[in-house]
Amino acid sequence: MTERSIGQDWSGDRGRYVAGGQYYAAATADAGPVVNRPRPAGPRSARRAADSKGFLGALFDFSFTSFVTTRIIRVLYALILIMTVLAALLYTILAFSASPAFGFLTLIIGDPLFIIIVLASWRLILESFVIIFRIAEDVHALRERGDR
């Protein structure tokens, strides 16, 4: 017999079938009855709760329940972008003062490479920080939910 045998009603929209008035999960390792429990708060709702404190509230949160780093990352990346472009502009001015040909090469080849390499490096570093904090938020949400 197949999974949908006699006396079972299939509700395919949720991947469950009914047998004897009980809902069962279809094609899973846990084929026991599905208990209608409220869904626990996930990491998104934990982030929303932390965001509700506001930046200054999170900054002066001495229990470290909400993280400021994920909010500062955008501003920090924008500042790094501005400083990198200003540094490239300064290098271009210095290169043109040394020689017009060297300034032109710096403007066409050197500056774009410099900006791309610096921004890519900082982007990798900042993304690793964000990943670490998101992992921490997800672990915290799992711990609150009771999963291990």
Foldseek 3Di string as FASTA:
>chain_A
DDPQDPQKADDPVVQWIDHPNFTFHHPDPGRDGDDDDDDADALVVQQVVLPVCPLVSCVPPPVNSHDNLVVCLVVVLVVQLVVLLVVLVVVLVVLVVVPVVSSVCSVPPVSVVSSVVSSVVVVVVSVVVVVVVSVVSRVVSCVVVPHD
